Amino acid sequence: MSCKSIQIIAFNNPYPANFGGAIDMFYKIKALHKLGIKVILHIFYDVRGDVSGIKDFCEEIYLYKRNKGFFKHFSLKPFSTNSRTNKILIERLLASETPIFVESLRSCVLLESQVFSQKIAVRNHNIEYDYSWGLFESESNFIKKVAQLIEGYKQKHYEKTLNKADILFNISKYEQSYFQKKYKPKSVFLPVFHGYESIKSKEGFGKYALYHGDLSTADNLKSALFLVDVFKKTEIQFIIAGSELPKEIKIKIQDFQHISYTKINGRQHLHKLIENAHVNTLYSFQRSGTKLKVFTALFNGRHCILNKNMIDDKQILDICEVADKEDDYRNALKDIFKKEFKLTEKRIQVLATYNDIENAKIIVENLL
């Protein structure tokens, strides 16, 4: 196999690229393909078995159904990792000399006991136990809450497996600092892959404020409810966009005519909602990883308000309004709706540092 090849082990199907982890994986593969790298893609999947939208960027694709059997929970290994085991995958990796790029601790079972001749890198999308404990804090369902707490403890114990990798590619500066201090492998900051090649933000005034996200996720639901509390004391039109409307939000917004819900009908519809908004409102109760929706908003929208949990890049924070508390968020909103949006040179320069092709070169230079 050519040295210009890479094997990627994906914790989920990157296609369609409709959630944070999938977006990062999909556009990473696309960028490597543009650089002439042959990608052999191994995918652990649940129900996302369609690879039609990614096959053109890959030399080979192999699918492995996750084993989510009940007894997989009764192990010291995290369930998220223990359910991603496959002997055929291990055999294929052992039979090859092509470098291996593992997407997240969730796919790291191969590091446990096997000795591979090729270099192995792990992409840390976040600090997994931190992420699970964040879900524990946000989750309202008792059983799911306990499950996330236990999973976090297992992930914290299992994390030492990362010492068996050669390189750790970390998605944010917070994670970079954490993994660099704690583990032996070479630690490299590798920013998010987002797929945007140019800024399409419209100047002038927009019509409303927008929050978008997967509302089935505990943190996104909690954040949306927080923002309803912010907006209910204003007269600013506020749209919450998602693939489904949770009953908690439906009940909370029913008495406020200026707050509404819109179902997202595909990527183009989402971009249209973002483009026409005067401000994109972002919030998270979890300090973990880098939230891809920040880049969706900045490349396609006007003003942006977020809290510091969304991203830890100071340059990105400097081109947004930052507010953590409810009153501060509300005051920032009132000021923003008085301001016409102008695309600044500073925003152009900051977003230029998040370039998928240049970031793919970081992988090539360190792993291939």
Protein backbone atom coordinates (compact mmCIF):
# COMPACT_ATOMS: atom_id res chain seq x y z
CA MET A 1 0.00 0.00 0.00
CA SER A 2 1.27 3.47 -0.85
CA CYS A 3 2.59 5.71 1.94
CA LYS A 4 0.01 8.19 0.64
CA SER A 5 -2.77 6.09 2.16
CA ILE A 6 -4.53 6.26 5.50
CA GLN A 7 -6.96 4.00 7.34
CA ILE A 8 -9.64 5.88 9.28
CA ILE A 9 -11.70 4.13 11.94
CA ALA A 10 -14.93 6.10 12.38
CA PHE A 11 -17.06 5.75 15.52
CA ASN A 12 -20.15 6.45 13.39
CA ASN A 13 -21.00 6.93 9.72
CA PRO A 14 -19.74 10.37 8.63
CA TYR A 15 -22.57 10.52 6.07
CA PRO A 16 -24.82 12.39 6.21
CA ALA A 17 -22.76 15.12 7.90
CA ASN A 18 -25.60 16.27 10.14
CA PHE A 19 -24.09 16.31 13.64
CA GLY A 20 -20.81 17.58 15.09
CA GLY A 21 -18.73 14.40 15.01
CA ALA A 22 -19.97 13.40 11.55
CA ILE A 23 -19.22 16.88 10.16
CA ASP A 24 -15.64 16.77 11.43
CA MET A 25 -15.07 13.25 10.02
CA PHE A 26 -16.80 13.86 6.68
CA TYR A 27 -14.91 17.03 5.77
CA LYS A 28 -11.64 15.60 7.07
CA ILE A 29 -12.00 12.69 4.64
CA LYS A 30 -12.96 15.07 1.82
CA ALA A 31 -9.91 17.29 2.51
CA LEU A 32 -7.53 14.31 2.60
CA HIS A 33 -9.00 13.11 -0.70
CA LYS A 34 -8.36 16.56 -2.23
CA LEU A 35 -4.72 16.24 -1.17
CA GLY A 36 -4.47 12.97 -3.10
CA ILE A 37 -4.50 10.71 -0.04
CA LYS A 38 -6.14 7.32 -0.49
CA VAL A 39 -8.62 6.80 2.35
CA ILE A 40 -9.57 3.32 3.56
CA LEU A 41 -12.59 3.94 5.78
CA HIS A 42 -13.76 1.57 8.53
CA ILE A 43 -17.15 2.53 9.98
CA PHE A 44 -18.87 1.40 13.17
CA TYR A 45 -22.58 2.10 12.70
CA ASP A 46 -25.99 1.63 14.28
CA VAL A 47 -28.64 2.53 11.69
CA ARG A 48 -26.63 4.92 9.49
CA GLY A 49 -25.58 2.41 6.84
CA ASP A 50 -25.78 4.62 3.74
CA VAL A 51 -22.31 5.50 2.39
CA SER A 52 -23.44 6.87 -0.99
CA GLY A 53 -22.43 10.44 -0.14
CA ILE A 54 -18.89 9.59 0.97
CA LYS A 55 -17.82 6.72 -1.28
CA ASP A 56 -16.35 9.06 -3.92
CA PHE A 57 -13.75 10.27 -1.40
CA CYS A 58 -12.65 6.78 -0.29
CA GLU A 59 -10.60 4.00 -1.86
CA GLU A 60 -12.39 1.34 0.20
CA ILE A 61 -15.19 1.36 2.79
CA TYR A 62 -15.91 -1.34 5.36
CA LEU A 63 -18.97 -1.34 7.62
CA TYR A 64 -19.11 -2.95 11.08
CA LYS A 65 -22.40 -3.17 12.96
CA ARG A 66 -22.06 -2.13 16.60
CA ASN A 67 -22.73 -4.87 19.14
CA LYS A 68 -25.01 -3.13 21.64
CA GLY A 69 -26.11 -6.28 23.44
CA PHE A 70 -27.32 -5.96 27.03
CA PHE A 71 -24.30 -7.74 28.51
CA LYS A 72 -21.93 -5.21 26.92
CA HIS A 73 -22.87 -2.93 29.81
CA PHE A 74 -21.41 -5.38 32.36
CA SER A 75 -17.76 -4.59 31.78
CA LEU A 76 -15.09 -2.26 33.14
CA LYS A 77 -14.78 -0.94 29.59
CA PRO A 78 -17.04 1.97 28.64
CA PHE A 79 -20.13 0.78 26.80
CA SER A 80 -19.35 3.26 24.01
CA THR A 81 -16.04 1.44 23.46
CA ASN A 82 -17.08 -2.12 24.30
CA SER A 83 -19.86 -1.97 21.70
CA ARG A 84 -17.28 -1.14 19.01
CA THR A 85 -15.30 -4.38 18.84
CA ASN A 86 -14.83 -6.44 15.69
CA LYS A 87 -12.37 -9.28 14.98
CA ILE A 88 -12.54 -8.80 11.21
CA LEU A 89 -11.50 -5.16 11.61
CA ILE A 90 -8.49 -6.18 13.72
CA GLU A 91 -7.48 -8.81 11.13
CA ARG A 92 -7.67 -6.24 8.33
CA LEU A 93 -5.57 -3.75 10.27
CA LEU A 94 -2.95 -6.37 11.17
CA ALA A 95 -2.68 -7.42 7.52
CA SER A 96 -1.89 -3.85 6.44
CA GLU A 97 1.01 -1.44 6.85
CA THR A 98 -1.09 1.66 6.20
CA PRO A 99 -1.12 4.20 9.09
CA ILE A 100 -4.23 4.16 11.25
CA PHE A 101 -6.26 7.22 12.30
CA VAL A 102 -8.73 6.35 15.08
CA GLU A 103 -11.71 8.64 15.62
CA SER A 104 -12.13 9.09 19.40
CA LEU A 105 -11.57 6.94 22.48
CA ARG A 106 -14.81 5.18 21.53
CA SER A 107 -12.99 3.34 18.73
CA CYS A 108 -9.82 2.47 20.66
CA VAL A 109 -10.39 -1.22 21.46
CA LEU A 110 -7.73 -2.08 18.86
CA LEU A 111 -5.09 -0.45 21.09
CA GLU A 112 -5.71 -2.79 24.03
CA SER A 113 -3.59 -5.84 23.23
CA GLN A 114 -2.62 -5.90 19.59
CA VAL A 115 0.81 -4.81 18.38
CA PHE A 116 0.65 -3.04 15.04
CA SER A 117 3.60 -2.35 12.77
CA GLN A 118 2.15 0.92 11.46
CA LYS A 119 1.79 4.27 13.22
CA ILE A 120 -1.49 4.90 15.03
CA ALA A 121 -3.07 8.26 15.79
CA VAL A 122 -6.18 8.99 17.86
CA ARG A 123 -8.41 11.98 17.20
CA ASN A 124 -9.77 13.24 20.53
CA HIS A 125 -13.09 14.91 19.76
CA ASN A 126 -13.32 15.83 23.43
CA ILE A 127 -12.37 14.51 26.85
CA GLU A 128 -14.85 11.64 26.83
CA TYR A 129 -15.48 11.33 30.57
CA ASP A 130 -15.89 15.11 30.80
CA TYR A 131 -18.47 14.92 28.00
CA SER A 132 -20.37 12.07 29.69
CA TRP A 133 -20.41 13.86 33.03
CA GLY A 134 -21.67 16.98 31.26
CA LEU A 135 -24.55 14.90 29.89
CA PHE A 136 -25.12 13.60 33.42
CA GLU A 137 -25.54 17.21 34.61
CA SER A 138 -27.92 18.10 31.76
CA GLU A 139 -29.98 14.88 31.62
CA SER A 140 -33.38 14.86 33.33
CA ASN A 141 -34.18 11.16 32.84
CA PHE A 142 -32.95 9.33 35.99
CA ILE A 143 -31.87 6.10 34.26
CA LYS A 144 -30.00 7.95 31.50
CA LYS A 145 -28.47 10.23 34.13
CA VAL A 146 -27.04 7.30 36.11
CA ALA A 147 -25.86 5.61 32.90
CA GLN A 148 -23.88 8.72 31.89
CA LEU A 149 -22.33 9.00 35.37
CA ILE A 150 -21.15 5.37 35.27
CA GLU A 151 -19.96 5.68 31.66
CA GLY A 152 -17.88 8.70 32.63
CA TYR A 153 -16.09 6.81 35.40
CA LYS A 154 -15.37 3.94 33.01
CA GLN A 155 -14.05 6.33 30.35
CA LYS A 156 -11.77 8.07 32.84
CA HIS A 157 -10.24 4.72 33.80
CA TYR A 158 -10.04 3.52 30.19
CA GLU A 159 -8.43 6.74 28.92
CA LYS A 160 -4.93 5.46 29.79
CA THR A 161 -5.25 3.24 26.69
CA LEU A 162 -4.29 6.36 24.72
CA ASN A 163 -0.67 5.81 25.84
CA LYS A 164 -0.48 2.99 23.28
CA ALA A 165 -1.01 5.41 20.37
CA ASP A 166 1.82 7.23 18.61
CA ILE A 167 0.04 10.57 18.13
CA LEU A 168 -2.95 12.30 19.69
CA PHE A 169 -4.75 14.85 17.48
CA ASN A 170 -6.81 17.14 19.72
CA ILE A 171 -9.77 19.23 18.62
CA SER A 172 -9.43 22.27 20.90
CA LYS A 173 -6.73 24.07 22.83
CA TYR A 174 -8.25 23.00 26.13
CA GLU A 175 -8.05 19.33 25.08
CA GLN A 176 -4.57 19.89 23.64
CA SER A 177 -3.30 21.16 26.99
CA TYR A 178 -4.98 18.29 28.87
CA PHE A 179 -3.69 15.42 26.70
CA GLN A 180 -0.23 16.94 26.25
CA LYS A 181 0.31 17.07 30.02
CA LYS A 182 -1.20 13.68 30.83
CA TYR A 183 -0.08 11.23 28.11
CA LYS A 184 3.14 10.07 26.48
CA PRO A 185 2.26 10.15 22.75
CA LYS A 186 3.01 13.22 20.65
CA SER A 187 0.13 15.66 21.11
CA VAL A 188 -0.95 17.86 18.17
CA PHE A 189 -3.65 20.53 17.97
CA LEU A 190 -5.87 19.70 14.98
CA PRO A 191 -8.76 22.19 14.58
CA VAL A 192 -12.25 21.15 13.53
CA PHE A 193 -13.12 20.35 9.92
CA HIS A 194 -16.30 22.17 8.91
CA GLY A 195 -16.63 22.15 5.11
CA TYR A 196 -16.97 25.90 4.54
CA GLU A 197 -14.73 27.37 1.85
CA SER A 198 -15.98 30.97 1.96
CA ILE A 199 -17.92 33.36 4.20
CA LYS A 200 -21.50 33.89 3.02
CA SER A 201 -22.71 36.24 5.76
CA LYS A 202 -25.10 38.93 4.53
CA GLU A 203 -24.54 42.49 5.67
CA GLY A 204 -27.30 44.69 7.05
CA PHE A 205 -30.11 43.81 9.47
CA GLY A 206 -31.71 40.41 9.93
CA LYS A 207 -35.26 39.64 11.03
CA TYR A 208 -34.93 37.53 14.18
CA ALA A 209 -32.66 35.70 16.62
CA LEU A 210 -32.04 32.00 16.00
CA TYR A 211 -31.02 28.97 18.00
CA HIS A 212 -30.44 25.69 16.15
CA GLY A 213 -29.42 22.26 17.37
CA ASP A 214 -30.30 18.62 17.92
CA LEU A 215 -32.89 19.02 20.66
CA SER A 216 -32.81 15.32 21.53
CA THR A 217 -29.39 15.95 23.08
CA ALA A 218 -29.61 16.82 26.78
CA ASP A 219 -27.19 19.76 26.62
CA ASN A 220 -28.89 21.31 23.57
CA LEU A 221 -32.31 20.95 25.19
CA LYS A 222 -31.10 22.55 28.42
CA SER A 223 -29.44 25.36 26.43
CA ALA A 224 -32.61 26.02 24.41
CA LEU A 225 -34.65 26.23 27.63
CA PHE A 226 -32.11 28.68 29.05
CA LEU A 227 -32.47 30.86 25.95
CA VAL A 228 -36.26 30.81 26.23
CA ASP A 229 -35.81 32.28 29.70
CA VAL A 230 -33.59 34.96 28.16
CA PHE A 231 -36.02 35.88 25.37
CA LYS A 232 -39.31 35.68 27.26
CA LYS A 233 -38.41 38.95 29.00
CA THR A 234 -37.84 40.70 25.64
CA GLU A 235 -39.93 41.45 22.57
CA ILE A 236 -37.29 40.13 20.18
CA GLN A 237 -38.53 37.50 17.73
CA PHE A 238 -36.80 34.23 18.59
CA ILE A 239 -36.84 31.04 16.51
CA ILE A 240 -35.75 27.64 17.84
CA ALA A 241 -34.87 25.26 15.00
CA GLY A 242 -34.40 21.50 15.27
CA SER A 243 -35.46 18.16 13.83
CA GLU A 244 -38.08 17.64 16.55
CA LEU A 245 -39.93 19.71 19.16
CA PRO A 246 -39.51 18.34 22.70
CA LYS A 247 -42.56 18.71 24.93
CA GLU A 248 -40.51 20.71 27.46
CA ILE A 249 -39.95 23.47 24.89
CA LYS A 250 -43.47 23.26 23.47
CA ILE A 251 -44.95 23.86 26.93
CA LYS A 252 -42.50 26.62 27.80
CA ILE A 253 -43.00 28.72 24.63
CA GLN A 254 -46.77 28.34 24.17
CA ASP A 255 -47.61 31.61 25.95
CA PHE A 256 -45.09 33.74 24.05
CA GLN A 257 -46.07 34.87 20.55
CA HIS A 258 -42.56 36.16 19.76
CA ILE A 259 -40.96 32.74 20.44
CA SER A 260 -41.55 29.93 17.96
CA TYR A 261 -40.25 26.57 16.78
CA THR A 262 -39.30 25.63 13.20
CA LYS A 263 -38.49 22.14 12.00
CA ILE A 264 -35.25 22.00 10.00
CA ASN A 265 -35.84 20.49 6.55
CA GLY A 266 -32.29 19.80 5.43
CA ARG A 267 -28.98 21.66 5.31
CA GLN A 268 -30.14 24.32 2.81
CA HIS A 269 -33.13 25.22 4.97
CA LEU A 270 -30.86 25.56 8.03
CA HIS A 271 -28.48 27.83 6.13
CA LYS A 272 -31.37 29.98 4.98
CA LEU A 273 -32.57 30.35 8.58
CA ILE A 274 -29.04 31.31 9.65
CA GLU A 275 -28.55 33.77 6.78
CA ASN A 276 -31.78 35.65 7.53
CA ALA A 277 -31.24 35.88 11.29
CA HIS A 278 -29.82 39.07 12.74
CA VAL A 279 -28.08 37.10 15.46
CA ASN A 280 -27.30 33.42 16.01
CA THR A 281 -27.57 32.54 19.68
CA LEU A 282 -25.35 29.72 20.95
CA TYR A 283 -25.02 28.28 24.42
CA SER A 284 -23.69 25.16 26.12
CA PHE A 285 -23.52 23.92 29.69
CA GLN A 286 -20.64 21.60 28.76
CA ARG A 287 -17.02 22.62 28.46
CA SER A 288 -15.91 19.88 26.12
CA GLY A 289 -14.56 19.93 22.59
CA THR A 290 -15.32 22.61 20.03
CA LYS A 291 -18.92 23.04 18.94
CA LEU A 292 -19.24 22.89 15.14
CA LYS A 293 -22.34 25.09 15.13
CA VAL A 294 -20.07 28.05 15.96
CA PHE A 295 -18.55 27.79 12.47
CA THR A 296 -21.91 27.19 10.81
CA ALA A 297 -23.06 30.48 12.34
CA LEU A 298 -19.91 32.49 11.61
CA PHE A 299 -19.49 31.38 7.99
CA ASN A 300 -23.18 31.81 7.11
CA GLY A 301 -24.71 34.25 9.58
CA ARG A 302 -24.47 37.77 10.92
CA HIS A 303 -23.91 38.53 14.60
CA CYS A 304 -23.19 35.72 17.02
CA ILE A 305 -23.63 35.51 20.80
CA LEU A 306 -22.19 32.57 22.71
CA ASN A 307 -20.82 31.56 26.06
CA LYS A 308 -17.27 30.40 26.72
CA ASN A 309 -18.21 26.73 26.82
CA MET A 310 -18.85 26.80 23.06
CA ILE A 311 -15.21 27.27 22.07
CA ASP A 312 -11.92 28.17 23.75
CA ASP A 313 -10.19 29.91 20.84
CA LYS A 314 -9.69 33.51 22.00
CA GLN A 315 -9.66 34.79 18.40
CA ILE A 316 -13.11 33.28 17.76
CA LEU A 317 -14.43 34.67 21.04
CA ASP A 318 -13.13 38.11 20.04
CA ILE A 319 -15.31 38.20 16.89
CA CYS A 320 -18.44 37.21 18.83
CA GLU A 321 -20.40 38.64 21.73
CA VAL A 322 -19.68 36.57 24.83
CA ALA A 323 -22.26 36.23 27.62
CA ASP A 324 -22.56 33.52 30.25
CA LYS A 325 -25.30 34.81 32.56
CA GLU A 326 -28.94 35.34 31.65
CA ASP A 327 -29.00 39.12 32.23
CA ASP A 328 -25.72 39.63 30.36
CA TYR A 329 -27.05 37.59 27.44
CA ARG A 330 -30.25 39.65 27.32
CA ASN A 331 -28.35 42.94 27.42
CA ALA A 332 -26.02 41.81 24.63
CA LEU A 333 -29.04 40.92 22.51
CA LYS A 334 -30.63 44.34 22.96
CA ASP A 335 -27.40 46.06 21.90
CA ILE A 336 -26.91 43.80 18.86
CA PHE A 337 -30.37 44.48 17.46
CA LYS A 338 -29.42 48.16 17.23
CA LYS A 339 -26.32 47.36 15.15
CA GLU A 340 -26.19 46.80 11.40
CA PHE A 341 -23.96 43.83 10.57
CA LYS A 342 -20.75 44.56 8.65
CA LEU A 343 -18.33 41.81 7.69
CA THR A 344 -14.99 42.85 9.17
CA GLU A 345 -11.47 42.10 8.01
CA LYS A 346 -10.80 40.65 11.45
CA ARG A 347 -13.56 38.06 11.03
CA ILE A 348 -12.25 37.14 7.59
CA GLN A 349 -8.71 36.67 8.92
CA VAL A 350 -9.76 34.64 11.98
CA LEU A 351 -11.95 32.25 9.98
CA ALA A 352 -9.18 31.81 7.41
CA THR A 353 -7.16 29.99 10.09
CA TYR A 354 -9.83 27.26 10.12
CA ASN A 355 -9.08 25.87 6.67
CA ASP A 356 -9.86 22.20 6.02
CA ILE A 357 -7.07 21.66 3.47
CA GLU A 358 -4.41 23.21 5.69
CA ASN A 359 -5.64 21.16 8.63
CA ALA A 360 -5.52 17.95 6.56
CA LYS A 361 -1.86 18.75 5.87
CA ILE A 362 -1.25 18.56 9.64
CA ILE A 363 -2.36 14.91 9.53
CA VAL A 364 -0.19 14.16 6.50
CA GLU A 365 2.90 15.79 8.00
CA ASN A 366 2.60 13.99 11.34
CA LEU A 367 1.20 10.55 10.44
CA LEU A 368 1.99 9.65 6.82
